[in-house]
């Protein structure tokens, strides 16, 4: 059976494909689970993928950076009302990664960001 490296980046041990960590780092498996649902579970469907591509094609620059006079390529489309089911064009805002991270920074800490 083929082996792969332990998921602990600095560990040289090899593990089977059924395992993520070597016995020494097996305790990390408990912390590896992401409590956040997947993107699909949060409502980002194949339809969303199409909407996202259309928004970025029609407005390729980050809207917030452009407002500040900077030309930065948008990579993400932000739902202003935080509802992934509301794909109304006026609810969607193309953003660069930095602006999107700033928008959601407070939410990751349990509070709504103010931008």
Protein backbone atom coordinates (compact mmCIF):
# COMPACT_ATOMS: atom_id res chain seq x y z
CA UNK A 1 0.00 0.00 0.00
CA UNK A 2 1.39 3.46 -0.91
CA UNK A 3 2.39 5.85 1.83
CA UNK A 4 2.22 9.61 2.15
CA UNK A 5 3.80 12.17 4.50
CA UNK A 6 2.26 12.89 7.89
CA UNK A 7 -0.05 15.94 7.73
CA UNK A 8 2.12 17.68 10.34
CA UNK A 9 4.24 19.78 7.97
CA UNK A 10 7.54 19.33 9.80
CA UNK A 11 7.19 15.58 10.36
CA UNK A 12 9.25 13.26 8.13
CA UNK A 13 7.18 10.14 8.98
CA UNK A 14 5.12 8.34 6.34
CA UNK A 15 1.57 7.14 6.97
CA UNK A 16 -0.95 5.07 5.04
CA UNK A 17 -3.46 6.89 2.85
CA UNK A 18 -6.14 6.01 5.40
CA UNK A 19 -4.41 8.11 8.06
CA UNK A 20 -3.61 11.80 8.10
CA UNK A 21 -1.11 11.81 10.95
CA UNK A 22 1.60 9.52 12.26
CA UNK A 23 1.12 8.07 15.79
CA UNK A 24 3.25 10.87 17.27
CA UNK A 25 0.93 13.54 15.82
CA UNK A 26 -2.38 11.64 15.98
CA UNK A 27 -3.60 14.03 18.70
CA UNK A 28 -3.73 16.78 16.05
CA UNK A 29 -6.57 14.94 14.32
CA UNK A 30 -8.91 16.13 17.07
CA UNK A 31 -8.14 19.74 16.18
CA UNK A 32 -8.15 19.22 12.41
CA UNK A 33 -11.91 19.15 12.06
CA UNK A 34 -13.34 22.41 10.79
CA UNK A 35 -16.62 23.17 12.61
CA UNK A 36 -17.67 25.38 9.72
CA UNK A 37 -19.93 23.72 7.14
CA UNK A 38 -18.59 23.31 3.61
CA UNK A 39 -19.22 26.03 1.03
CA UNK A 40 -21.88 23.88 -0.61
CA UNK A 41 -23.59 23.33 2.75
CA UNK A 42 -23.56 27.12 3.31
CA UNK A 43 -25.44 27.67 0.04
CA UNK A 44 -22.66 28.24 -2.50
CA UNK A 45 -23.98 26.04 -5.31
CA UNK A 46 -23.12 25.48 -8.96
CA UNK A 47 -25.49 28.35 -9.74
CA UNK A 48 -23.43 30.55 -7.42
CA UNK A 49 -20.27 29.56 -9.30
CA UNK A 50 -21.86 30.84 -12.53
CA UNK A 51 -23.12 34.06 -10.90
CA UNK A 52 -19.68 34.67 -9.40
CA UNK A 53 -17.93 34.22 -12.75
CA UNK A 54 -20.42 36.59 -14.41
CA UNK A 55 -19.93 39.29 -11.75
CA UNK A 56 -16.14 39.08 -11.98
CA UNK A 57 -16.24 39.16 -15.79
CA UNK A 58 -18.49 42.22 -15.83
CA UNK A 59 -16.62 44.06 -13.04
CA UNK A 60 -13.05 42.69 -12.79
CA UNK A 61 -11.67 45.27 -10.34
CA UNK A 62 -12.17 45.36 -6.57
CA UNK A 63 -14.92 47.93 -6.06
CA UNK A 64 -13.48 49.27 -2.80
CA UNK A 65 -9.94 49.61 -4.11
CA UNK A 66 -11.25 51.29 -7.27
CA UNK A 67 -13.16 53.79 -5.12
CA UNK A 68 -9.79 54.67 -3.52
CA UNK A 69 -8.15 55.09 -6.93
CA UNK A 70 -6.36 51.72 -7.03
CA UNK A 71 -6.72 49.13 -9.78
CA UNK A 72 -6.72 45.77 -7.99
CA UNK A 73 -8.14 42.60 -9.55
CA UNK A 74 -11.22 41.26 -7.72
CA UNK A 75 -11.02 37.58 -6.88
CA UNK A 76 -14.09 37.22 -4.67
CA UNK A 77 -17.72 38.29 -4.80
CA UNK A 78 -19.17 39.46 -1.50
CA UNK A 79 -22.84 39.19 -0.50
CA UNK A 80 -23.50 42.54 1.18
CA UNK A 81 -26.39 41.14 3.22
CA UNK A 82 -24.42 37.96 4.10
CA UNK A 83 -27.16 35.77 2.53
CA UNK A 84 -25.60 33.34 0.02
CA UNK A 85 -29.05 32.76 -1.50
CA UNK A 86 -29.54 36.45 -2.37
CA UNK A 87 -27.73 36.68 -5.70
CA UNK A 88 -29.44 39.90 -6.74
CA UNK A 89 -26.78 41.90 -8.60
CA UNK A 90 -27.11 44.95 -6.32
CA UNK A 91 -26.32 42.68 -3.35
CA UNK A 92 -23.05 41.46 -4.90
CA UNK A 93 -19.75 43.30 -4.62
CA UNK A 94 -16.52 42.20 -6.35
CA UNK A 95 -13.63 42.44 -3.90
CA UNK A 96 -9.94 41.62 -3.74
CA UNK A 97 -8.87 39.11 -1.10
CA UNK A 98 -7.62 41.83 1.25
CA UNK A 99 -10.87 43.81 1.22
CA UNK A 100 -12.92 40.63 1.59
CA UNK A 101 -10.80 39.52 4.55
CA UNK A 102 -11.23 42.94 6.17
CA UNK A 103 -14.99 42.72 5.65
CA UNK A 104 -15.23 39.36 7.40
CA UNK A 105 -12.46 39.73 10.00
CA UNK A 106 -14.79 40.64 12.85
CA UNK A 107 -17.19 37.81 12.00
CA UNK A 108 -14.43 35.28 12.46
CA UNK A 109 -14.01 36.62 15.98
CA UNK A 110 -17.74 36.37 16.64
CA UNK A 111 -18.75 39.92 15.77
CA UNK A 112 -19.85 41.68 12.60
CA UNK A 113 -17.12 43.70 10.95
CA UNK A 114 -17.61 47.41 10.41
CA UNK A 115 -16.04 48.59 7.17
